[in-house]
Amino acid sequence: MSAVEELLKERTQIKNDLLDGKTPKRVLVAPAFSWEFACQLAGINLMEAHYNFAESTEKAVEKVCQTFPVDTSPTRSLRYANVYQHLGAKNWVMGSKGVIQHPEVATMEVEEYDEFIESPYKTIIEKFLPRACSGLNKDPITNGLNLATAYGAYKNMNMVQTGIVQKISAKYGFVPGFMNHQMISAPFDFLADQLRGFTQTNMDTRRIPDKVKAAVDAITPMMIKMATPAVMRPGLRGFIPLHLGPYLNQKIFEELYWPSLEKVITELDKIGVALSLFVEHDWTRFCSFLQRLPKSTIMYMEAGDPQVFADTVGKDHIIGGFYDPTISLARSKEECIDEMKRLLDIVMKSGKYYLTFDRSVMDVKSIDVSKIQAVLEWVMLNAKY
């Protein structure tokens, strides 16, 4: 058996033990480095990388894998610039440095709640998409051509990227990460992100909470349908990045945000689709809610009290996160490792922790690469259960 095959065997056992509720040999190391970071690390101009996607992605992913000791392939692009440009999208746009950004947009007027609640699919297709995408606000033939072109570009780029990740994973003996299926949204977040905008949604929760609840309830089956595969296969795991929960007061969270999110996750779990959640910002006060989710749910945290999460959510669920790699800019290598030791002393006790950062690393200037290398190397060698 080759060295790579030995690595793959060990990593597969660690991951499977973690998923099966057994105590693994050591902490699984699965940090995320964004595609943009990877291109910067490899010295690739980000603006050019979008239009030379295959070559740039292979070079960038390879560079990250050569630089950091990890167990899973750490880089994947979730947003393809030319897809949004074919659509003329206003909700996802390229910034001046080549980063795909999500500006606040409002494609739905407050007077349109009733129409949307009555027929959400029809209203999105006929009204909201043309407002969000200038390429879909033409005559029917042009709209169809633009949509087909964008979808073709998406399928092609996704296939290319998947092939590159699989090729490099085989080379380094990586196991798949915790996302291999559809990315969806919490229904409330979808309303705020794509339809009403953050500002208007915040006002709506106070002026017309009943309309907001009905709209969120109308979105819920859409999210379930989006993540329901045409053909079921074992081990499907989707992804939900959670946005607005921590910014809401307790009443609004309990009545308007949480019920629909819990329903989406629970219903998908019933049909065999598990979810990984990015728990954005600080959800410490909502730990009791997260604890109720199906045990198949994996969560990684951006912020919060690790001890509280370990004592609640971490009892029955796999958790990750809490470690901020940007501290490497201000602290010594030893201090960065000590910070990791303090975190692991808290979260490893349940045997259900895996190492990922508190968020994906987006900018090469946001970390000291050599210090983060040292932290990950230390975990690989010392974080044994």
Protein backbone atom coordinates (compact mmCIF):
# COMPACT_ATOMS: atom_id res chain seq x y z
CA MET A 1 0.00 0.00 0.00
CA SER A 2 1.42 3.41 -1.00
CA ALA A 3 1.85 6.32 1.43
CA VAL A 4 -1.11 8.13 -0.17
CA GLU A 5 -3.29 5.05 0.16
CA GLU A 6 -2.30 4.76 3.82
CA LEU A 7 -3.24 8.40 4.37
CA LEU A 8 -6.59 7.94 2.64
CA LYS A 9 -7.33 4.86 4.73
CA GLU A 10 -6.52 6.68 7.98
CA ARG A 11 -8.50 9.78 7.04
CA THR A 12 -11.49 7.72 5.90
CA GLN A 13 -11.53 5.90 9.24
CA ILE A 14 -11.32 9.17 11.19
CA LYS A 15 -14.18 10.72 9.22
CA ASN A 16 -16.35 7.60 9.35
CA ASP A 17 -15.84 7.25 13.11
CA LEU A 18 -16.84 10.87 13.57
CA LEU A 19 -20.01 10.43 11.50
CA ASP A 20 -20.86 7.10 13.19
CA GLY A 21 -20.69 8.55 16.71
CA LYS A 22 -17.44 6.76 17.57
CA THR A 23 -14.41 8.50 19.05
CA PRO A 24 -11.96 8.99 16.18
CA LYS A 25 -8.20 8.55 16.40
CA ARG A 26 -7.62 12.30 16.23
CA VAL A 27 -9.31 15.54 15.25
CA LEU A 28 -10.25 15.70 11.58
CA VAL A 29 -8.56 18.75 10.01
CA ALA A 30 -10.92 20.34 7.49
CA PRO A 31 -10.41 24.11 7.24
CA ALA A 32 -11.79 26.07 4.31
CA PHE A 33 -9.75 28.37 2.10
CA SER A 34 -11.82 30.24 -0.47
CA TRP A 35 -11.14 30.03 -4.19
CA GLU A 36 -10.19 33.71 -4.10
CA PHE A 37 -7.61 33.06 -1.37
CA ALA A 38 -6.22 30.10 -3.28
CA CYS A 39 -5.74 32.20 -6.42
CA GLN A 40 -3.98 34.91 -4.43
CA LEU A 41 -1.74 32.34 -2.74
CA ALA A 42 -0.78 30.93 -6.14
CA GLY A 43 -0.02 34.40 -7.50
CA ILE A 44 -2.91 34.35 -9.96
CA ASN A 45 -4.67 37.58 -10.92
CA LEU A 46 -8.22 37.11 -9.67
CA MET A 47 -9.88 39.13 -12.42
CA GLU A 48 -8.17 36.95 -15.04
CA ALA A 49 -8.81 33.71 -13.11
CA HIS A 50 -12.57 33.99 -13.63
CA TYR A 51 -12.06 33.74 -17.40
CA ASN A 52 -9.31 31.13 -17.33
CA PHE A 53 -11.17 29.05 -14.78
CA ALA A 54 -9.88 25.51 -15.34
CA GLU A 55 -6.18 26.32 -15.45
CA SER A 56 -6.40 28.84 -12.62
CA THR A 57 -8.43 26.55 -10.38
CA GLU A 58 -6.09 23.59 -10.80
CA LYS A 59 -3.02 25.72 -10.05
CA ALA A 60 -4.72 27.43 -7.08
CA VAL A 61 -6.11 24.29 -5.45
CA GLU A 62 -2.79 22.53 -5.90
CA LYS A 63 -0.97 25.41 -4.18
CA VAL A 64 -3.26 25.34 -1.15
CA CYS A 65 -2.89 21.58 -0.83
CA GLN A 66 0.90 21.85 -1.03
CA THR A 67 0.92 24.62 1.61
CA PHE A 68 -1.42 23.43 4.36
CA PRO A 69 -1.65 20.01 6.07
CA VAL A 70 -5.33 19.04 5.88
CA ASP A 71 -7.51 15.94 5.61
CA THR A 72 -10.10 17.20 3.13
CA SER A 73 -9.80 19.15 -0.11
CA PRO A 74 -9.87 22.70 1.30
CA THR A 75 -10.86 24.85 -1.70
CA ARG A 76 -13.93 25.13 -3.90
CA SER A 77 -15.58 28.05 -5.67
CA LEU A 78 -19.28 28.47 -4.95
CA ARG A 79 -19.86 31.42 -7.30
CA TYR A 80 -19.05 31.59 -11.01
CA ALA A 81 -18.65 35.11 -12.36
CA ASN A 82 -19.59 34.48 -15.99
CA VAL A 83 -22.86 32.80 -14.95
CA TYR A 84 -24.01 35.98 -13.23
CA GLN A 85 -22.77 38.09 -16.12
CA HIS A 86 -24.77 36.04 -18.64
CA LEU A 87 -27.82 36.68 -16.44
CA GLY A 88 -27.05 40.36 -15.89
CA ALA A 89 -27.40 39.67 -12.17
CA LYS A 90 -27.69 42.56 -9.70
CA ASN A 91 -27.79 40.36 -6.60
CA TRP A 92 -24.35 38.81 -7.24
CA VAL A 93 -21.77 41.13 -8.80
CA MET A 94 -18.01 41.18 -9.23
CA GLY A 95 -16.15 43.76 -7.17
CA SER A 96 -13.19 45.77 -8.43
CA LYS A 97 -10.73 43.17 -7.11
CA GLY A 98 -12.51 40.21 -8.68
CA VAL A 99 -14.45 39.01 -5.62
CA ILE A 100 -18.09 38.04 -6.16
CA GLN A 101 -20.15 40.12 -3.75
CA HIS A 102 -23.80 40.15 -2.66
CA PRO A 103 -25.11 43.72 -2.44
CA GLU A 104 -28.37 44.44 -0.71
CA VAL A 105 -31.19 44.20 -3.23
CA ALA A 106 -34.95 44.43 -2.97
CA THR A 107 -36.74 42.70 -5.85
CA MET A 108 -40.11 42.44 -4.10
CA GLU A 109 -42.26 45.40 -3.10
CA VAL A 110 -44.13 45.42 0.20
CA GLU A 111 -47.45 45.47 -1.72
CA GLU A 112 -46.55 42.16 -3.36
CA TYR A 113 -46.53 39.97 -0.26
CA ASP A 114 -50.03 38.61 -0.90
CA GLU A 115 -49.26 37.77 -4.52
CA PHE A 116 -46.05 36.01 -3.52
CA ILE A 117 -47.72 34.06 -0.71
CA GLU A 118 -50.42 32.90 -3.10
CA SER A 119 -48.03 31.76 -5.84
CA PRO A 120 -44.34 31.98 -4.89
CA TYR A 121 -42.84 30.16 -7.91
CA LYS A 122 -44.90 32.11 -10.44
CA THR A 123 -44.14 35.46 -8.83
CA ILE A 124 -40.41 34.80 -8.59
CA ILE A 125 -40.16 33.75 -12.24
CA GLU A 126 -42.44 36.40 -13.72
CA LYS A 127 -41.59 39.40 -11.52
CA PHE A 128 -38.63 39.07 -9.20
CA LEU A 129 -36.06 37.31 -11.44
CA PRO A 130 -36.41 39.91 -14.23
CA ARG A 131 -35.82 42.61 -11.64
CA ALA A 132 -32.76 40.85 -10.23
CA CYS A 133 -31.32 39.90 -13.63
CA SER A 134 -31.37 42.29 -16.59
CA GLY A 135 -30.67 39.37 -18.92
CA LEU A 136 -34.04 37.90 -17.98
CA ASN A 137 -35.92 41.14 -18.53
CA LYS A 138 -35.96 40.98 -22.34
CA ASP A 139 -38.28 39.35 -24.84
CA PRO A 140 -39.11 35.66 -24.22
CA ILE A 141 -36.63 34.31 -26.79
CA THR A 142 -33.72 36.39 -25.48
CA ASN A 143 -34.63 35.50 -21.90
CA GLY A 144 -34.56 31.81 -22.78
CA LEU A 145 -31.23 32.08 -24.58
CA ASN A 146 -29.62 33.97 -21.70
CA LEU A 147 -30.91 31.49 -19.15
CA ALA A 148 -29.76 28.50 -21.23
CA THR A 149 -26.32 30.06 -21.73
CA ALA A 150 -25.93 30.78 -18.03
CA TYR A 151 -27.06 27.29 -17.05
CA GLY A 152 -24.70 25.71 -19.57
CA ALA A 153 -21.81 27.77 -18.20
CA TYR A 154 -22.71 26.73 -14.66
CA LYS A 155 -22.85 23.04 -15.52
CA ASN A 156 -19.57 23.18 -17.41
CA MET A 157 -17.66 25.07 -14.72
CA ASN A 158 -19.07 22.90 -11.97
CA MET A 159 -18.05 19.76 -13.85
CA VAL A 160 -14.55 21.14 -14.47
CA GLN A 161 -14.09 22.11 -10.84
CA THR A 162 -15.38 18.77 -9.57
CA GLY A 163 -12.92 16.95 -11.80
CA ILE A 164 -10.02 19.06 -10.55
CA VAL A 165 -10.96 18.53 -6.88
CA GLN A 166 -11.29 14.78 -7.42
CA LYS A 167 -7.94 14.62 -9.23
CA ILE A 168 -6.07 16.53 -6.52
CA SER A 169 -7.88 14.69 -3.71
CA ALA A 170 -6.68 11.40 -5.19
CA LYS A 171 -3.14 12.75 -5.43
CA TYR A 172 -3.02 13.80 -1.77
CA GLY A 173 -5.24 11.14 -0.24
CA PHE A 174 -7.99 13.55 0.85
CA VAL A 175 -11.44 12.44 1.98
CA PRO A 176 -14.54 14.39 0.86
CA GLY A 177 -15.63 17.23 3.11
CA PHE A 178 -19.03 17.78 4.70
CA MET A 179 -20.83 19.19 1.65
CA ASN A 180 -21.59 17.07 -1.40
CA HIS A 181 -25.08 18.25 -2.31
CA GLN A 182 -27.22 21.34 -2.77
CA MET A 183 -26.66 24.65 -0.99
CA ILE A 184 -29.94 26.22 0.15
CA SER A 185 -31.04 29.00 2.51
CA ALA A 186 -32.98 29.34 5.71
CA PRO A 187 -36.39 30.52 4.45
CA PHE A 188 -36.23 33.79 6.42
CA ASP A 189 -32.72 34.45 5.05
CA PHE A 190 -33.96 33.84 1.50
CA LEU A 191 -36.67 36.46 2.01
CA ALA A 192 -34.10 38.96 3.28
CA ASP A 193 -31.22 38.09 0.94
CA GLN A 194 -33.07 37.77 -2.35
CA LEU A 195 -36.51 39.35 -2.11
CA ARG A 196 -36.98 42.20 0.37
CA GLY A 197 -33.43 43.11 1.37
CA PHE A 198 -32.11 43.23 4.94
CA THR A 199 -33.38 46.73 5.73
CA GLN A 200 -36.91 46.21 4.42
CA THR A 201 -37.25 42.77 6.00
CA ASN A 202 -36.27 44.18 9.37
CA MET A 203 -39.01 46.80 9.08
CA ASP A 204 -41.52 44.22 7.80
CA THR A 205 -41.03 42.03 10.89
CA ARG A 206 -42.37 44.91 12.98
CA ARG A 207 -45.00 46.37 10.67
CA ILE A 208 -46.48 43.23 9.07
CA PRO A 209 -45.17 40.15 10.94
CA ASP A 210 -48.09 38.03 9.76
CA LYS A 211 -47.18 38.67 6.12
CA VAL A 212 -43.53 37.84 6.83
CA LYS A 213 -44.52 34.56 8.49
CA ALA A 214 -46.77 33.61 5.59
CA ALA A 215 -44.04 34.45 3.08
CA VAL A 216 -41.46 32.40 4.98
CA ASP A 217 -43.91 29.51 5.14
CA ALA A 218 -44.34 29.79 1.34
CA ILE A 219 -40.56 29.65 0.84
CA THR A 220 -40.12 26.59 3.08
CA PRO A 221 -41.34 23.93 0.57
CA MET A 222 -39.20 25.60 -2.11
CA MET A 223 -36.05 25.03 -0.04
CA ILE A 224 -37.05 21.42 0.69
CA LYS A 225 -37.72 20.79 -2.99
CA MET A 226 -34.41 22.40 -4.02
CA ALA A 227 -32.47 20.00 -1.78
CA THR A 228 -34.51 16.89 -2.65
CA PRO A 229 -32.53 14.84 -5.20
CA ALA A 230 -34.12 13.30 -8.26
CA VAL A 231 -32.33 10.07 -7.35
CA MET A 232 -31.52 9.39 -3.72
CA ARG A 233 -28.08 8.06 -2.84
CA PRO A 234 -26.48 7.39 0.55
CA GLY A 235 -24.52 10.08 2.33
CA LEU A 236 -26.04 13.18 0.76
CA ARG A 237 -25.18 16.32 2.74
CA GLY A 238 -26.35 19.77 1.78
CA PHE A 239 -25.28 23.14 3.14
CA ILE A 240 -27.05 26.10 4.72
CA PRO A 241 -25.19 29.30 5.63
CA LEU A 242 -27.23 30.89 8.42
CA HIS A 243 -27.34 34.69 8.30
CA LEU A 244 -29.82 36.80 10.22
CA GLY A 245 -30.72 34.76 13.31
CA PRO A 246 -28.34 36.44 15.80
CA TYR A 247 -29.40 39.92 14.67
CA LEU A 248 -33.05 39.33 15.62
CA ASN A 249 -34.67 39.74 19.00
CA GLN A 250 -35.89 36.62 20.79
CA LYS A 251 -39.55 36.98 19.82
CA ILE A 252 -38.89 37.50 16.11
CA PHE A 253 -36.36 34.67 16.08
CA GLU A 254 -38.74 32.22 17.77
CA GLU A 255 -41.78 33.15 15.69
CA LEU A 256 -40.45 34.11 12.27
CA TYR A 257 -36.96 32.68 11.82
CA TRP A 258 -36.65 29.36 13.58
CA PRO A 259 -39.80 27.28 12.80
CA SER A 260 -39.28 27.26 9.03
CA LEU A 261 -35.56 26.53 9.33
CA GLU A 262 -36.19 23.63 11.69
CA LYS A 263 -38.85 22.26 9.34
CA VAL A 264 -36.51 22.37 6.32
CA ILE A 265 -33.74 20.54 8.17
CA THR A 266 -36.06 18.00 9.79
CA GLU A 267 -37.97 17.16 6.61
CA LEU A 268 -34.79 16.71 4.60
CA ASP A 269 -33.31 14.51 7.31
CA LYS A 270 -36.40 12.28 7.07
CA ILE A 271 -35.75 11.57 3.38
CA GLY A 272 -32.03 10.99 3.88
CA VAL A 273 -30.47 14.40 3.15
CA ALA A 274 -28.37 15.63 6.07
CA LEU A 275 -27.31 19.26 6.42
CA SER A 276 -24.11 21.07 7.33
CA LEU A 277 -24.69 24.54 8.77
CA PHE A 278 -22.42 27.55 8.90
CA VAL A 279 -23.64 29.18 12.11
CA GLU A 280 -22.76 32.78 11.32
CA HIS A 281 -21.98 35.28 14.07
CA ASP A 282 -22.85 34.38 17.71
CA TRP A 283 -25.66 31.88 18.30
CA THR A 284 -24.84 31.19 21.96
CA ARG A 285 -28.27 32.37 23.13
CA PHE A 286 -29.91 30.01 20.64
CA CYS A 287 -27.98 26.84 21.55
CA SER A 288 -31.11 25.20 22.92
CA PHE A 289 -32.74 25.54 19.49
CA LEU A 290 -29.75 24.15 17.60
CA GLN A 291 -29.66 21.25 20.04
CA ARG A 292 -33.13 20.17 18.83
CA LEU A 293 -32.00 19.60 15.25
CA PRO A 294 -31.60 16.04 13.89
CA LYS A 295 -28.39 14.39 15.06
CA SER A 296 -27.24 14.12 11.45
CA THR A 297 -26.83 17.92 11.38
CA ILE A 298 -23.23 19.17 11.45
CA MET A 299 -22.56 22.74 12.56
CA TYR A 300 -19.51 24.96 12.48
CA MET A 301 -19.53 28.20 14.42
CA GLU A 302 -18.18 31.61 13.61
CA ALA A 303 -18.37 32.95 17.16
CA GLY A 304 -19.84 32.26 20.59
CA ASP A 305 -18.83 30.55 23.80
CA PRO A 306 -17.23 27.20 22.92
CA GLN A 307 -17.95 25.82 26.40
CA VAL A 308 -21.69 26.49 26.06
CA PHE A 309 -21.78 24.88 22.62
CA ALA A 310 -19.76 21.90 23.80
CA ASP A 311 -22.10 21.37 26.75
CA THR A 312 -25.27 21.62 24.64
CA VAL A 313 -25.07 21.18 20.88
CA GLY A 314 -21.82 19.21 21.05
CA LYS A 315 -23.34 16.43 23.14
CA ASP A 316 -25.29 14.98 20.21
CA HIS A 317 -23.97 16.82 17.15
CA ILE A 318 -20.67 17.13 15.34
CA ILE A 319 -19.42 20.70 15.73
CA GLY A 320 -16.52 22.71 14.35
CA GLY A 321 -15.28 26.26 14.11
CA PHE A 322 -14.49 28.88 16.79
CA TYR A 323 -10.84 29.32 15.74
CA ASP A 324 -10.07 32.69 14.16
CA PRO A 325 -7.05 32.38 11.81
CA THR A 326 -6.67 36.17 11.55
CA ILE A 327 -5.10 36.20 15.02
CA SER A 328 -1.96 34.99 13.25
CA LEU A 329 -1.31 38.57 12.11
CA ALA A 330 -1.01 39.85 15.67
CA ARG A 331 0.30 36.89 17.68
CA SER A 332 3.39 34.71 17.62
CA LYS A 333 3.37 31.16 16.27
CA GLU A 334 3.46 29.81 19.84
CA GLU A 335 0.52 32.01 20.88
CA CYS A 336 -1.52 30.85 17.90
CA ILE A 337 -0.87 27.21 18.84
CA ASP A 338 -1.69 27.95 22.50
CA GLU A 339 -5.02 29.44 21.42
CA MET A 340 -5.78 26.24 19.53
CA LYS A 341 -4.81 24.16 22.58
CA ARG A 342 -7.22 26.15 24.78
CA LEU A 343 -10.04 25.63 22.29
CA LEU A 344 -9.40 21.90 21.91
CA ASP A 345 -9.28 21.42 25.68
CA ILE A 346 -12.90 22.56 25.71
CA VAL A 347 -14.42 21.08 22.56
CA MET A 348 -12.67 17.72 22.25
CA LYS A 349 -14.21 16.19 25.37
CA SER A 350 -17.31 14.98 23.54
CA GLY A 351 -15.29 13.33 20.76
CA LYS A 352 -17.46 15.17 18.21
CA TYR A 353 -15.27 18.11 17.21
CA TYR A 354 -13.56 18.60 13.85
CA LEU A 355 -11.22 21.45 13.04
CA THR A 356 -12.42 24.08 10.67
CA PHE A 357 -11.90 27.82 11.04
CA ASP A 358 -14.58 30.20 12.20
CA ARG A 359 -15.10 31.10 8.53
CA SER A 360 -13.55 30.47 5.16
CA VAL A 361 -10.29 32.37 4.67
CA MET A 362 -11.03 34.90 1.93
CA ASP A 363 -7.89 37.02 1.59
CA VAL A 364 -4.23 35.98 1.66
CA LYS A 365 -3.44 39.20 3.53
CA SER A 366 -5.82 38.25 6.37
CA ILE A 367 -3.52 35.54 7.79
CA ASP A 368 0.14 34.73 8.35
CA VAL A 369 0.49 31.63 6.20
CA SER A 370 3.49 30.18 8.06
CA LYS A 371 1.77 30.46 11.44
CA ILE A 372 -1.41 28.80 10.20
CA GLN A 373 0.73 26.03 8.72
CA ALA A 374 2.27 25.53 12.17
CA VAL A 375 -1.13 25.43 13.88
CA LEU A 376 -2.49 22.81 11.49
CA GLU A 377 0.67 20.73 11.75
CA TRP A 378 0.42 20.81 15.54
CA VAL A 379 -3.21 19.62 15.41
CA MET A 380 -2.34 16.79 13.02
CA LEU A 381 0.38 15.53 15.35
CA ASN A 382 -1.08 16.23 18.78
CA ALA A 383 -4.90 16.52 18.75
CA LYS A 384 -5.52 12.85 19.57
CA TYR A 385 -8.59 11.61 21.37
